[in-house]
Amino acid sequence: MLVQTARDLGIPSAKMDTPALAHALDANDSFARFRKQFFIPKTSDRKGVDPEFGEAAGYSIYFCGNSLGLLSRRTERLMNEEIAKWK
């Protein structure tokens, strides 16, 4: 499926492991519009992040099987509203 998607985006199969394919996939991601709705940690915000895993200003890759997921901006707003009422 990835090979066909790469072909559809004009990326030759010999270039499957290149940033060009990653950027093309990102540019055509139908879920990309939801990204701005979440707080996504940056490597520069994380203490103890090995610089080998990315640029200091880059976004972290978020993997955590025991998590509720990334905090959404909407959830933060709603929680803050309830906390303000509680005070």
N, C-alpha and C. Protein backbone atom coordinates (compact mmCIF):
# COMPACT_ATOMS: atom_id res chain seq x y z
N MET A 1 0.82 -1.19 0.00
CA MET A 1 0.00 0.00 0.00
C MET A 1 0.87 1.26 0.00
N LEU A 2 1.94 1.25 0.80
CA LEU A 2 2.82 2.42 0.85
C LEU A 2 3.51 2.64 -0.49
N VAL A 3 3.89 1.54 -1.14
CA VAL A 3 4.53 1.66 -2.46
C VAL A 3 3.58 2.32 -3.45
N GLN A 4 2.31 1.90 -3.44
CA GLN A 4 1.32 2.49 -4.35
C GLN A 4 1.08 3.95 -4.01
N THR A 5 1.01 4.27 -2.72
CA THR A 5 0.82 5.67 -2.31
C THR A 5 1.99 6.51 -2.77
N ALA A 6 3.21 5.98 -2.61
CA ALA A 6 4.40 6.71 -3.07
C ALA A 6 4.33 6.95 -4.57
N ARG A 7 3.95 5.93 -5.32
CA ARG A 7 3.81 6.09 -6.79
C ARG A 7 2.77 7.17 -7.11
N ASP A 8 1.63 7.13 -6.40
CA ASP A 8 0.57 8.12 -6.63
C ASP A 8 1.06 9.54 -6.36
N LEU A 9 2.01 9.67 -5.43
CA LEU A 9 2.57 10.99 -5.09
C LEU A 9 3.78 11.35 -5.95
N GLY A 10 4.14 10.45 -6.87
CA GLY A 10 5.26 10.72 -7.76
C GLY A 10 6.62 10.43 -7.15
N ILE A 11 6.67 9.61 -6.11
CA ILE A 11 7.93 9.24 -5.46
C ILE A 11 8.31 7.84 -5.94
N PRO A 12 9.47 7.68 -6.60
CA PRO A 12 9.87 6.34 -7.06
C PRO A 12 10.10 5.40 -5.87
N SER A 13 9.83 4.10 -6.06
CA SER A 13 9.96 3.13 -4.97
C SER A 13 11.39 3.06 -4.44
N ALA A 14 12.37 3.44 -5.25
CA ALA A 14 13.76 3.45 -4.79
C ALA A 14 14.00 4.55 -3.76
N LYS A 15 13.07 5.48 -3.65
CA LYS A 15 13.21 6.61 -2.73
C LYS A 15 12.29 6.47 -1.52
N MET A 16 11.90 5.25 -1.18
CA MET A 16 10.93 5.02 -0.11
C MET A 16 11.43 5.42 1.27
N ASP A 17 12.73 5.51 1.46
CA ASP A 17 13.27 5.84 2.78
C ASP A 17 13.83 7.24 2.84
N THR A 18 13.24 8.14 2.09
CA THR A 18 13.77 9.49 2.02
C THR A 18 12.83 10.50 2.69
N PRO A 19 13.38 11.62 3.09
CA PRO A 19 12.52 12.69 3.62
C PRO A 19 11.49 13.15 2.60
N ALA A 20 11.79 13.03 1.30
CA ALA A 20 10.83 13.46 0.27
C ALA A 20 9.51 12.71 0.41
N LEU A 21 9.58 11.40 0.65
CA LEU A 21 8.35 10.63 0.82
C LEU A 21 7.63 11.05 2.09
N ALA A 22 8.37 11.22 3.17
CA ALA A 22 7.75 11.63 4.44
C ALA A 22 7.05 12.98 4.28
N HIS A 23 7.69 13.92 3.61
CA HIS A 23 7.08 15.24 3.40
C HIS A 23 5.85 15.14 2.50
N ALA A 24 5.93 14.29 1.47
CA ALA A 24 4.78 14.13 0.57
C ALA A 24 3.61 13.50 1.32
N LEU A 25 3.89 12.50 2.16
CA LEU A 25 2.82 11.89 2.94
C LEU A 25 2.21 12.90 3.92
N ASP A 26 3.06 13.68 4.57
CA ASP A 26 2.56 14.71 5.49
C ASP A 26 1.68 15.72 4.76
N ALA A 27 2.11 16.13 3.58
CA ALA A 27 1.36 17.14 2.81
C ALA A 27 0.00 16.62 2.38
N ASN A 28 -0.15 15.29 2.26
CA ASN A 28 -1.40 14.69 1.81
C ASN A 28 -2.17 14.00 2.93
N ASP A 29 -1.81 14.26 4.17
CA ASP A 29 -2.44 13.62 5.32
C ASP A 29 -3.79 14.27 5.60
N SER A 30 -4.85 13.49 5.48
CA SER A 30 -6.19 14.04 5.69
C SER A 30 -6.49 14.36 7.15
N PHE A 31 -5.67 13.86 8.07
CA PHE A 31 -5.86 14.14 9.49
C PHE A 31 -4.97 15.28 9.99
N ALA A 32 -4.16 15.85 9.13
CA ALA A 32 -3.22 16.90 9.54
C ALA A 32 -3.93 18.09 10.18
N ARG A 33 -5.15 18.34 9.78
CA ARG A 33 -5.89 19.49 10.31
C ARG A 33 -6.15 19.37 11.81
N PHE A 34 -6.09 18.16 12.34
CA PHE A 34 -6.33 17.97 13.76
C PHE A 34 -5.09 18.21 14.62
N ARG A 35 -3.93 18.25 14.01
CA ARG A 35 -2.66 18.37 14.74
C ARG A 35 -2.63 19.60 15.65
N LYS A 36 -3.12 20.72 15.16
CA LYS A 36 -3.06 21.96 15.94
C LYS A 36 -4.01 21.95 17.14
N GLN A 37 -4.87 20.93 17.25
CA GLN A 37 -5.79 20.84 18.36
C GLN A 37 -5.17 20.19 19.60
N PHE A 38 -3.91 19.77 19.51
CA PHE A 38 -3.25 19.07 20.62
C PHE A 38 -1.94 19.74 20.99
N PHE A 39 -1.56 19.58 22.24
CA PHE A 39 -0.24 20.01 22.68
C PHE A 39 0.73 18.88 22.35
N ILE A 40 1.65 19.14 21.44
CA ILE A 40 2.63 18.14 21.03
C ILE A 40 3.97 18.56 21.59
N PRO A 41 4.56 17.73 22.46
CA PRO A 41 5.82 18.13 23.08
C PRO A 41 6.94 18.28 22.06
N LYS A 42 7.79 19.24 22.31
CA LYS A 42 8.99 19.44 21.48
C LYS A 42 10.19 18.88 22.24
N THR A 43 11.18 18.45 21.50
CA THR A 43 12.36 17.90 22.16
C THR A 43 13.03 18.94 23.04
N SER A 44 12.93 20.22 22.70
CA SER A 44 13.55 21.27 23.50
C SER A 44 12.82 21.44 24.84
N ASP A 45 11.58 20.97 24.94
CA ASP A 45 10.81 21.06 26.18
C ASP A 45 11.05 19.88 27.11
N ARG A 46 11.69 18.86 26.62
CA ARG A 46 11.86 17.62 27.36
C ARG A 46 13.26 17.53 27.94
N LYS A 47 13.36 17.42 29.24
CA LYS A 47 14.66 17.28 29.88
C LYS A 47 15.16 15.86 29.67
N GLY A 48 16.44 15.74 29.39
CA GLY A 48 17.04 14.43 29.25
C GLY A 48 16.85 13.79 27.90
N VAL A 49 16.35 14.53 26.91
CA VAL A 49 16.19 13.97 25.57
C VAL A 49 17.55 13.93 24.90
N ASP A 50 17.89 12.78 24.39
CA ASP A 50 19.17 12.61 23.70
C ASP A 50 19.12 13.38 22.38
N PRO A 51 20.04 14.35 22.16
CA PRO A 51 20.01 15.14 20.92
C PRO A 51 20.14 14.30 19.66
N GLU A 52 20.61 13.08 19.80
CA GLU A 52 20.73 12.19 18.65
C GLU A 52 19.37 11.86 18.05
N PHE A 53 18.31 12.01 18.86
CA PHE A 53 16.98 11.67 18.40
C PHE A 53 16.26 12.80 17.68
N GLY A 54 16.93 13.88 17.41
CA GLY A 54 16.29 14.95 16.66
C GLY A 54 16.84 16.30 17.03
N GLU A 55 16.47 17.27 16.23
CA GLU A 55 16.90 18.64 16.48
C GLU A 55 16.27 19.15 17.77
N ALA A 56 16.94 20.06 18.41
CA ALA A 56 16.44 20.60 19.69
C ALA A 56 15.07 21.24 19.54
N ALA A 57 14.80 21.85 18.40
CA ALA A 57 13.52 22.53 18.21
C ALA A 57 12.47 21.63 17.57
N GLY A 58 12.83 20.37 17.29
CA GLY A 58 11.90 19.47 16.62
C GLY A 58 10.85 18.91 17.55
N TYR A 59 9.79 18.39 16.97
CA TYR A 59 8.73 17.77 17.75
C TYR A 59 9.15 16.38 18.19
N SER A 60 8.73 16.00 19.39
CA SER A 60 8.96 14.65 19.88
C SER A 60 8.04 13.69 19.14
N ILE A 61 8.46 12.45 19.07
CA ILE A 61 7.58 11.39 18.60
C ILE A 61 6.93 10.83 19.85
N TYR A 62 5.63 10.82 19.89
CA TYR A 62 4.90 10.49 21.11
C TYR A 62 4.38 9.06 21.05
N PHE A 63 5.01 8.17 21.81
CA PHE A 63 4.56 6.79 21.93
C PHE A 63 4.38 6.48 23.41
N CYS A 64 3.20 6.14 23.82
CA CYS A 64 2.99 5.74 25.20
C CYS A 64 1.72 4.90 25.25
N GLY A 65 1.88 3.61 25.45
CA GLY A 65 0.75 2.71 25.47
C GLY A 65 -0.09 2.80 26.74
N ASN A 66 0.44 3.43 27.78
CA ASN A 66 -0.29 3.54 29.05
C ASN A 66 -0.79 4.96 29.27
N SER A 67 -1.16 5.62 28.22
CA SER A 67 -1.50 7.03 28.31
C SER A 67 -2.89 7.29 27.76
N LEU A 68 -3.46 8.40 28.18
CA LEU A 68 -4.71 8.85 27.59
C LEU A 68 -4.47 9.54 26.26
N GLY A 69 -3.22 9.73 25.91
CA GLY A 69 -2.87 10.42 24.67
C GLY A 69 -2.43 11.84 24.94
N LEU A 70 -2.20 12.56 23.88
CA LEU A 70 -1.80 13.95 24.00
C LEU A 70 -2.95 14.78 24.57
N LEU A 71 -2.59 15.80 25.33
CA LEU A 71 -3.60 16.71 25.87
C LEU A 71 -4.16 17.57 24.74
N SER A 72 -5.48 17.59 24.64
CA SER A 72 -6.09 18.45 23.62
C SER A 72 -6.27 19.85 24.19
N ARG A 73 -6.20 20.82 23.32
CA ARG A 73 -6.40 22.21 23.74
C ARG A 73 -7.82 22.42 24.28
N ARG A 74 -8.77 21.73 23.69
CA ARG A 74 -10.16 21.84 24.15
C ARG A 74 -10.30 21.30 25.56
N THR A 75 -9.67 20.16 25.83
CA THR A 75 -9.74 19.59 27.18
C THR A 75 -9.13 20.53 28.20
N GLU A 76 -8.00 21.12 27.87
CA GLU A 76 -7.38 22.07 28.79
C GLU A 76 -8.34 23.22 29.10
N ARG A 77 -8.96 23.76 28.04
CA ARG A 77 -9.88 24.88 28.24
C ARG A 77 -11.06 24.47 29.12
N LEU A 78 -11.65 23.32 28.84
CA LEU A 78 -12.80 22.86 29.62
C LEU A 78 -12.43 22.57 31.07
N MET A 79 -11.26 21.98 31.28
CA MET A 79 -10.81 21.70 32.65
C MET A 79 -10.58 23.00 33.41
N ASN A 80 -9.94 23.96 32.75
CA ASN A 80 -9.70 25.25 33.40
C ASN A 80 -11.01 25.96 33.75
N GLU A 81 -12.01 25.84 32.89
CA GLU A 81 -13.32 26.44 33.18
C GLU A 81 -13.94 25.79 34.42
N GLU A 82 -13.85 24.47 34.51
CA GLU A 82 -14.42 23.78 35.68
C GLU A 82 -13.65 24.09 36.95
N ILE A 83 -12.35 24.18 36.87
CA ILE A 83 -11.54 24.53 38.03
C ILE A 83 -11.87 25.94 38.51
N ALA A 84 -12.07 26.85 37.57
CA ALA A 84 -12.43 28.23 37.94
C ALA A 84 -13.78 28.26 38.66
N LYS A 85 -14.72 27.43 38.22
CA LYS A 85 -16.03 27.36 38.89
C LYS A 85 -15.88 26.77 40.30
N TRP A 86 -14.99 25.84 40.45
CA TRP A 86 -14.78 25.14 41.70
C TRP A 86 -14.19 26.06 42.77
N LYS A 87 -13.35 27.00 42.34
CA LYS A 87 -12.71 27.94 43.26
C LYS A 87 -13.78 28.75 43.95
